[in-house]
């Protein structure tokens, strides 16, 4: 459980996964993946992780970014058409959402799970329950 007693099945945004994978990440002192009953993210996060870490990790590691996620016992869920439809609807409503934000929110919505993220836009989107990991302590 997290320090405040919370646990559950949630969808993880990339920032939470980076906190687990990078020892020097600004969020690493707050995130404890092992305290989440059923952490999951979409396969799109593996792609996003490659994009974000391309300059920091060696090529051998970055091309296996999905294995890094799986190594943290985070389930990679498929990117299904319903999630893409939900992402499209959300992006049409909220101009500030980028492609990955839309995919993450659409996936969380289809899974009917809250998204754990520090993204400051997510709390303004009432269609998806948002949990800021910094508020879980």
C-alpha atoms as a PDB file:
ATOM      1  CA  UNK A   1       0.000   0.000   0.000  1.00  0.00           C
ATOM      2  CA  UNK A   2       0.986   3.614  -0.475  1.00  0.00           C
ATOM      3  CA  UNK A   3       1.812   5.595   2.668  1.00  0.00           C
ATOM      4  CA  UNK A   4      -1.759   6.901   2.922  1.00  0.00           C
ATOM      5  CA  UNK A   5      -3.241   3.376   2.731  1.00  0.00           C
ATOM      6  CA  UNK A   6      -4.366   3.574  -0.921  1.00  0.00           C
ATOM      7  CA  UNK A   7      -3.952   0.635  -3.262  1.00  0.00           C
ATOM      8  CA  UNK A   8      -5.788  -0.543  -6.325  1.00  0.00           C
ATOM      9  CA  UNK A   9      -5.852  -1.236 -10.006  1.00  0.00           C
ATOM     10  CA  UNK A  10      -4.813   1.802 -12.002  1.00  0.00           C
ATOM     11  CA  UNK A  11      -3.501   2.940 -15.355  1.00  0.00           C
ATOM     12  CA  UNK A  12      -0.019   4.481 -15.171  1.00  0.00           C
ATOM     13  CA  UNK A  13       1.092   7.445 -17.226  1.00  0.00           C
ATOM     14  CA  UNK A  14       4.694   7.545 -18.450  1.00  0.00           C
ATOM     15  CA  UNK A  15       5.914   9.906 -15.704  1.00  0.00           C
ATOM     16  CA  UNK A  16       5.118   7.320 -13.032  1.00  0.00           C
ATOM     17  CA  UNK A  17       6.916   4.596 -14.981  1.00  0.00           C
ATOM     18  CA  UNK A  18       9.959   6.831 -15.474  1.00  0.00           C
ATOM     19  CA  UNK A  19      10.044   7.369 -11.706  1.00  0.00           C
ATOM     20  CA  UNK A  20      10.418   3.624 -11.307  1.00  0.00           C
ATOM     21  CA  UNK A  21      12.992   3.171 -14.079  1.00  0.00           C
ATOM     22  CA  UNK A  22      15.242   6.164 -13.381  1.00  0.00           C
ATOM     23  CA  UNK A  23      16.903   6.307  -9.961  1.00  0.00           C
ATOM     24  CA  UNK A  24      17.505  10.047 -10.328  1.00  0.00           C
ATOM     25  CA  UNK A  25      13.980  10.871 -11.524  1.00  0.00           C
ATOM     26  CA  UNK A  26      12.366  13.781  -9.695  1.00  0.00           C
ATOM     27  CA  UNK A  27       9.357  11.606  -8.808  1.00  0.00           C
ATOM     28  CA  UNK A  28      11.212   8.433  -7.770  1.00  0.00           C
ATOM     29  CA  UNK A  29      10.988   9.105  -4.026  1.00  0.00           C
ATOM     30  CA  UNK A  30       7.185   9.146  -4.227  1.00  0.00           C
ATOM     31  CA  UNK A  31       6.400   6.227  -6.540  1.00  0.00           C
ATOM     32  CA  UNK A  32       6.168   2.633  -5.291  1.00  0.00           C
ATOM     33  CA  UNK A  33       4.851   0.400  -8.085  1.00  0.00           C
ATOM     34  CA  UNK A  34       4.909  -2.625  -5.779  1.00  0.00           C
ATOM     35  CA  UNK A  35       2.235  -0.947  -3.648  1.00  0.00           C
ATOM     36  CA  UNK A  36      -0.270  -1.011  -6.519  1.00  0.00           C
ATOM     37  CA  UNK A  37      -2.368  -4.154  -6.788  1.00  0.00           C
ATOM     38  CA  UNK A  38      -2.666  -4.194 -10.569  1.00  0.00           C
ATOM     39  CA  UNK A  39      -0.562  -1.538 -12.294  1.00  0.00           C
ATOM     40  CA  UNK A  40      -1.026  -1.355 -16.026  1.00  0.00           C
ATOM     41  CA  UNK A  41      -0.315   0.839 -18.986  1.00  0.00           C
ATOM     42  CA  UNK A  42      -0.817   0.503 -22.722  1.00  0.00           C
ATOM     43  CA  UNK A  43       1.666  -0.741 -25.277  1.00  0.00           C
ATOM     44  CA  UNK A  44       1.749   2.863 -26.495  1.00  0.00           C
ATOM     45  CA  UNK A  45       3.702   3.683 -23.336  1.00  0.00           C
ATOM     46  CA  UNK A  46       6.468   1.401 -24.554  1.00  0.00           C
ATOM     47  CA  UNK A  47       6.638   3.481 -27.716  1.00  0.00           C
ATOM     48  CA  UNK A  48       6.544   6.737 -25.769  1.00  0.00           C
ATOM     49  CA  UNK A  49       9.284   5.455 -23.444  1.00  0.00           C
ATOM     50  CA  UNK A  50      11.514   4.759 -26.456  1.00  0.00           C
ATOM     51  CA  UNK A  51      10.877   8.270 -27.763  1.00  0.00           C
ATOM     52  CA  UNK A  52      11.592   9.962 -24.414  1.00  0.00           C
ATOM     53  CA  UNK A  53      14.661   7.903 -23.472  1.00  0.00           C
ATOM     54  CA  UNK A  54      16.275   7.700 -26.915  1.00  0.00           C
ATOM     55  CA  UNK A  55      19.034  10.176 -26.086  1.00  0.00           C
ATOM     56  CA  UNK A  56      19.628   8.925 -22.532  1.00  0.00           C
ATOM     57  CA  UNK A  57      19.628   5.139 -22.877  1.00  0.00           C
ATOM     58  CA  UNK A  58      21.785   3.142 -25.247  1.00  0.00           C
ATOM     59  CA  UNK A  59      20.098   1.759 -28.337  1.00  0.00           C
ATOM     60  CA  UNK A  60      20.243  -1.826 -26.984  1.00  0.00           C
ATOM     61  CA  UNK A  61      18.153  -0.763 -23.997  1.00  0.00           C
ATOM     62  CA  UNK A  62      15.784   1.696 -25.632  1.00  0.00           C
ATOM     63  CA  UNK A  63      14.587  -0.747 -28.300  1.00  0.00           C
ATOM     64  CA  UNK A  64      13.473  -3.062 -25.485  1.00  0.00           C
ATOM     65  CA  UNK A  65      11.639  -0.371 -23.533  1.00  0.00           C
ATOM     66  CA  UNK A  66       8.582  -2.592 -23.276  1.00  0.00           C
ATOM     67  CA  UNK A  67      10.700  -5.154 -21.403  1.00  0.00           C
ATOM     68  CA  UNK A  68      11.718  -2.426 -18.947  1.00  0.00           C
ATOM     69  CA  UNK A  69       8.023  -1.838 -18.210  1.00  0.00           C
ATOM     70  CA  UNK A  70       7.267  -5.551 -17.890  1.00  0.00           C
ATOM     71  CA  UNK A  71      10.292  -5.912 -15.601  1.00  0.00           C
ATOM     72  CA  UNK A  72       8.542  -3.600 -13.134  1.00  0.00           C
ATOM     73  CA  UNK A  73       5.555  -5.992 -13.054  1.00  0.00           C
ATOM     74  CA  UNK A  74       3.417  -3.517 -14.948  1.00  0.00           C
ATOM     75  CA  UNK A  75       0.935  -5.107 -17.306  1.00  0.00           C
ATOM     76  CA  UNK A  76       1.039  -3.887 -20.884  1.00  0.00           C
ATOM     77  CA  UNK A  77      -2.522  -3.789 -22.178  1.00  0.00           C
ATOM     78  CA  UNK A  78      -3.254  -3.781 -25.904  1.00  0.00           C
ATOM     79  CA  UNK A  79      -4.118  -0.569 -27.656  1.00  0.00           C
ATOM     80  CA  UNK A  80      -7.663  -1.344 -28.771  1.00  0.00           C
ATOM     81  CA  UNK A  81      -9.898   0.564 -31.192  1.00  0.00           C
ATOM     82  CA  UNK A  82     -12.244   1.611 -28.359  1.00  0.00           C
ATOM     83  CA  UNK A  83      -9.321   3.321 -26.609  1.00  0.00           C
ATOM     84  CA  UNK A  84      -8.388   5.118 -29.831  1.00  0.00           C
ATOM     85  CA  UNK A  85     -12.008   6.226 -30.253  1.00  0.00           C
ATOM     86  CA  UNK A  86     -12.066   7.511 -26.670  1.00  0.00           C
ATOM     87  CA  UNK A  87      -8.743   9.279 -27.284  1.00  0.00           C
ATOM     88  CA  UNK A  88     -10.135  10.934 -30.415  1.00  0.00           C
ATOM     89  CA  UNK A  89     -13.224  12.127 -28.556  1.00  0.00           C
ATOM     90  CA  UNK A  90     -11.144  13.561 -25.715  1.00  0.00           C
ATOM     91  CA  UNK A  91      -8.669  15.234 -28.065  1.00  0.00           C
ATOM     92  CA  UNK A  92     -11.556  16.795 -29.973  1.00  0.00           C
ATOM     93  CA  UNK A  93     -12.857  18.260 -26.699  1.00  0.00           C
ATOM     94  CA  UNK A  94      -9.523  19.307 -25.172  1.00  0.00           C
ATOM     95  CA  UNK A  95      -7.135  21.085 -27.544  1.00  0.00           C
ATOM     96  CA  UNK A  96      -4.193  20.851 -25.133  1.00  0.00           C
ATOM     97  CA  UNK A  97      -4.090  17.029 -25.230  1.00  0.00           C
ATOM     98  CA  UNK A  98      -1.260  15.635 -27.317  1.00  0.00           C
ATOM     99  CA  UNK A  99      -1.387  12.230 -29.013  1.00  0.00           C
ATOM    100  CA  UNK A 100       0.094  10.289 -26.096  1.00  0.00           C
ATOM    101  CA  UNK A 101      -2.055  12.111 -23.520  1.00  0.00           C
ATOM    102  CA  UNK A 102      -5.128  11.187 -25.539  1.00  0.00           C
ATOM    103  CA  UNK A 103      -4.091   7.546 -25.845  1.00  0.00           C
ATOM    104  CA  UNK A 104      -3.369   7.280 -22.113  1.00  0.00           C
ATOM    105  CA  UNK A 105      -6.651   8.900 -21.125  1.00  0.00           C
ATOM    106  CA  UNK A 106      -8.616   6.928 -23.706  1.00  0.00           C
ATOM    107  CA  UNK A 107      -7.069   3.687 -22.471  1.00  0.00           C
ATOM    108  CA  UNK A 108      -7.815   4.522 -18.834  1.00  0.00           C
ATOM    109  CA  UNK A 109     -11.390   5.404 -19.755  1.00  0.00           C
ATOM    110  CA  UNK A 110     -11.970   2.137 -21.638  1.00  0.00           C
ATOM    111  CA  UNK A 111     -10.426   0.170 -18.768  1.00  0.00           C
ATOM    112  CA  UNK A 112     -12.612   2.167 -16.348  1.00  0.00           C
ATOM    113  CA  UNK A 113      -9.611   2.854 -14.139  1.00  0.00           C
ATOM    114  CA  UNK A 114      -8.094   6.034 -12.734  1.00  0.00           C
ATOM    115  CA  UNK A 115      -4.914   7.353 -14.286  1.00  0.00           C
ATOM    116  CA  UNK A 116      -1.928   8.006 -12.030  1.00  0.00           C
ATOM    117  CA  UNK A 117      -0.006  10.964 -13.389  1.00  0.00           C
ATOM    118  CA  UNK A 118       1.477  14.348 -12.548  1.00  0.00           C
ATOM    119  CA  UNK A 119       0.090  15.848 -15.755  1.00  0.00           C
ATOM    120  CA  UNK A 120      -1.486  19.159 -14.771  1.00  0.00           C
ATOM    121  CA  UNK A 121      -4.129  18.993 -17.495  1.00  0.00           C
ATOM    122  CA  UNK A 122      -5.620  15.656 -16.392  1.00  0.00           C
ATOM    123  CA  UNK A 123      -7.433  16.987 -13.277  1.00  0.00           C
ATOM    124  CA  UNK A 124      -9.365  19.316 -15.580  1.00  0.00           C
ATOM    125  CA  UNK A 125     -10.828  16.401 -17.549  1.00  0.00           C
ATOM    126  CA  UNK A 126     -13.843  15.135 -15.597  1.00  0.00           C
ATOM    127  CA  UNK A 127     -14.346  12.091 -17.826  1.00  0.00           C
ATOM    128  CA  UNK A 128     -11.329  10.370 -16.241  1.00  0.00           C
ATOM    129  CA  UNK A 129     -10.503   9.954 -12.551  1.00  0.00           C
ATOM    130  CA  UNK A 130      -7.016  11.316 -11.939  1.00  0.00           C
ATOM    131  CA  UNK A 131      -4.642  10.488  -9.091  1.00  0.00           C
ATOM    132  CA  UNK A 132      -1.509  12.549  -8.555  1.00  0.00           C
ATOM    133  CA  UNK A 133       1.144  10.258  -7.040  1.00  0.00           C
ATOM    134  CA  UNK A 134       2.470  13.162  -4.947  1.00  0.00           C
ATOM    135  CA  UNK A 135      -0.877  13.268  -3.118  1.00  0.00           C
ATOM    136  CA  UNK A 136      -0.737   9.636  -2.105  1.00  0.00           C
ATOM    137  CA  UNK A 137       1.791  10.135   0.680  1.00  0.00           C
END
